[in-house]
C-alpha cells in the first residue's frame, strides 16, 4: 500500500469539522490533499496537535505548530504518530510513504518508518517554497 501524508496548515476553519475540511481554507492543503487522494491508496493528515488524522476525523480548531517545538518534543510527536499508524492503518501493508509535509513533520517520523523497512519519499522536496509546490500540484491535476 502507498500512503500519502499531508501536513496540516496554519490556516484553518474556525469551527469543529472533519479534518479534510479543517485545513481546506489553505490552497496548498487543498491541492496537496487532492493530489494525494488521486495518487495514493490511502491518505492521512499530519497534525501538530492530534498526530495522525484520517480525513473523516472530527476535530476542533487549534493553534499549534511542530516547528515551534524542540527536537525532543518533535521526536515524541513522531513516536505518537507511528503508534497511531500502527493502531489505525493497515501498518504492515504499507510499503511506501509519500510526505507532502515540511521537514519538522517528516524528519523523525521518516526515520522511524525506515526502521520498519518502509520507503519514505518527498515528491516535492526540490520545491521548498509553498507557492512552487502549489503550482506544481495544480499543473499535475485539475482541482
Protein backbone atom coordinates (compact mmCIF):
# COMPACT_ATOMS: atom_id res chain seq x y z
CA UNK A 1 0.00 0.00 0.00
CA UNK A 2 1.15 3.53 -0.79
CA UNK A 3 0.33 6.10 1.89
CA UNK A 4 0.20 9.83 1.29
CA UNK A 5 0.76 12.02 4.35
CA UNK A 6 -0.32 15.64 4.03
CA UNK A 7 0.74 18.24 6.58
CA UNK A 8 -1.79 20.36 8.45
CA UNK A 9 -1.73 24.11 7.90
CA UNK A 10 -1.83 27.28 9.95
CA UNK A 11 -4.95 28.40 8.08
CA UNK A 12 -7.94 26.52 9.46
CA UNK A 13 -11.70 26.67 9.61
CA UNK A 14 -12.98 28.31 12.78
CA UNK A 15 -15.34 25.51 13.82
CA UNK A 16 -15.40 21.77 14.56
CA UNK A 17 -15.40 19.75 11.34
CA UNK A 18 -13.79 16.83 9.53
CA UNK A 19 -10.01 17.00 9.28
CA UNK A 20 -10.11 17.16 5.49
CA UNK A 21 -12.31 20.26 5.75
CA UNK A 22 -10.47 21.90 8.68
CA UNK A 23 -7.42 22.73 6.58
CA UNK A 24 -9.27 23.32 3.29
CA UNK A 25 -9.03 27.08 3.84
CA UNK A 26 -5.42 26.70 2.65
CA UNK A 27 -4.94 26.46 -1.15
CA UNK A 28 -1.73 24.46 -0.61
CA UNK A 29 -3.53 21.92 1.58
CA UNK A 30 -6.41 21.62 -0.89
CA UNK A 31 -4.02 20.96 -3.75
CA UNK A 32 -1.80 18.53 -1.81
CA UNK A 33 -4.80 16.65 -0.40
CA UNK A 34 -6.48 16.39 -3.81
CA UNK A 35 -3.25 15.20 -5.41
CA UNK A 36 -2.64 12.63 -2.64
CA UNK A 37 -6.25 11.41 -2.77
CA UNK A 38 -5.95 10.77 -6.50
CA UNK A 39 -2.46 9.26 -6.37
CA UNK A 40 -2.08 7.05 -3.28
CA UNK A 41 -4.02 4.10 -1.89
CA UNK A 42 -4.59 5.83 1.46
CA UNK A 43 -4.28 9.44 2.61
CA UNK A 44 -3.85 10.74 6.14
CA UNK A 45 -3.14 14.15 7.61
CA UNK A 46 -0.27 15.01 9.94
CA UNK A 47 -1.46 17.37 12.68
CA UNK A 48 0.82 19.04 15.19
CA UNK A 49 -1.89 18.72 17.84
CA UNK A 50 -3.67 15.47 17.01
CA UNK A 51 -0.88 13.48 15.35
CA UNK A 52 -2.26 11.21 12.63
CA UNK A 53 -5.71 12.14 11.35
CA UNK A 54 -7.88 10.33 8.89
CA UNK A 55 -9.83 12.63 6.57
CA UNK A 56 -13.19 11.99 8.27
CA UNK A 57 -11.95 12.50 11.84
CA UNK A 58 -13.87 15.32 13.56
CA UNK A 59 -11.55 17.87 15.16
CA UNK A 60 -11.64 21.29 16.80
CA UNK A 61 -9.57 24.24 15.53
CA UNK A 62 -6.24 24.79 17.29
CA UNK A 63 -3.07 26.86 17.16
CA UNK A 64 -0.09 24.51 17.42
CA UNK A 65 2.82 24.01 15.04
CA UNK A 66 5.51 21.37 15.14
CA UNK A 67 8.04 23.97 14.03
CA UNK A 68 7.75 25.69 17.42
CA UNK A 69 8.62 22.50 19.35
CA UNK A 70 12.12 21.47 20.35
CA UNK A 71 13.75 18.37 18.86
CA UNK A 72 12.80 16.13 21.79
CA UNK A 73 9.12 17.13 21.50
CA UNK A 74 9.23 16.55 17.74
CA UNK A 75 10.64 13.05 18.32
CA UNK A 76 7.87 12.32 20.83
CA UNK A 77 5.30 13.55 18.30
CA UNK A 78 6.79 11.24 15.65
CA UNK A 79 6.65 8.28 18.05
CA UNK A 80 2.98 9.07 18.76
CA UNK A 81 2.19 9.22 15.03
CA UNK A 82 3.95 5.90 14.46
CA UNK A 83 1.82 4.33 17.21
CA UNK A 84 -1.33 5.86 15.67
CA UNK A 85 -0.37 4.47 12.26
CA UNK A 86 0.06 1.02 13.78
CA UNK A 87 -3.33 1.27 15.50
CA UNK A 88 -5.40 2.97 12.80
CA UNK A 89 -3.97 1.82 9.47
CA UNK A 90 -3.01 -1.47 7.88
CA UNK A 91 0.54 -0.74 9.04
CA UNK A 92 2.09 -3.99 7.86
CA UNK A 93 0.67 -3.37 4.40
CA UNK A 94 2.42 0.00 4.00
CA UNK A 95 5.29 -0.23 1.53
CA UNK A 96 5.84 3.42 0.71
CA UNK A 97 5.01 6.70 2.40
CA UNK A 98 4.89 9.92 0.39
CA UNK A 99 5.31 13.02 2.54
CA UNK A 100 3.63 16.22 1.45
CA UNK A 101 4.98 17.93 4.53
CA UNK A 102 7.79 20.09 5.81
CA UNK A 103 10.97 18.85 7.44
CA UNK A 104 9.68 19.04 11.03
CA UNK A 105 6.75 16.78 10.11
CA UNK A 106 8.76 14.18 8.21
CA UNK A 107 12.32 14.06 9.61
CA UNK A 108 11.85 11.95 12.76
CA UNK A 109 8.77 10.09 11.52
CA UNK A 110 10.59 9.14 8.34
CA UNK A 111 13.47 7.71 10.38
CA UNK A 112 11.04 5.63 12.46
CA UNK A 113 9.28 4.34 9.35
CA UNK A 114 12.59 3.49 7.69
CA UNK A 115 13.31 1.34 10.75
CA UNK A 116 10.23 -0.68 9.76
CA UNK A 117 11.51 -1.08 6.18
CA UNK A 118 9.04 1.45 4.80
CA UNK A 119 10.36 3.59 1.95
CA UNK A 120 9.77 7.29 2.55
CA UNK A 121 9.68 9.84 -0.23
CA UNK A 122 9.13 13.55 -0.52
CA UNK A 123 7.82 14.13 -4.05
CA UNK A 124 8.11 17.91 -3.83
CA UNK A 125 11.43 18.10 -1.97
CA UNK A 126 13.08 20.09 -4.74
CA UNK A 127 10.40 22.77 -4.43
CA UNK A 128 10.77 24.10 -0.92
CA UNK A 129 8.52 27.12 -1.22
CA UNK A 130 4.78 26.63 -0.76
CA UNK A 131 3.88 28.67 -3.85
CA UNK A 132 6.02 26.48 -6.09
CA UNK A 133 4.54 23.34 -4.54
CA UNK A 134 1.04 24.62 -5.20
CA UNK A 135 1.84 25.47 -8.81
CA UNK A 136 3.33 22.01 -9.42
CA UNK A 137 0.34 20.22 -7.88
CA UNK A 138 -2.08 22.29 -9.93
CA UNK A 139 -0.15 21.53 -13.11
CA UNK A 140 -0.36 17.78 -12.42
CA UNK A 141 -4.13 17.67 -11.94
CA UNK A 142 -7.29 19.64 -12.21
CA UNK A 143 -8.55 20.85 -8.83
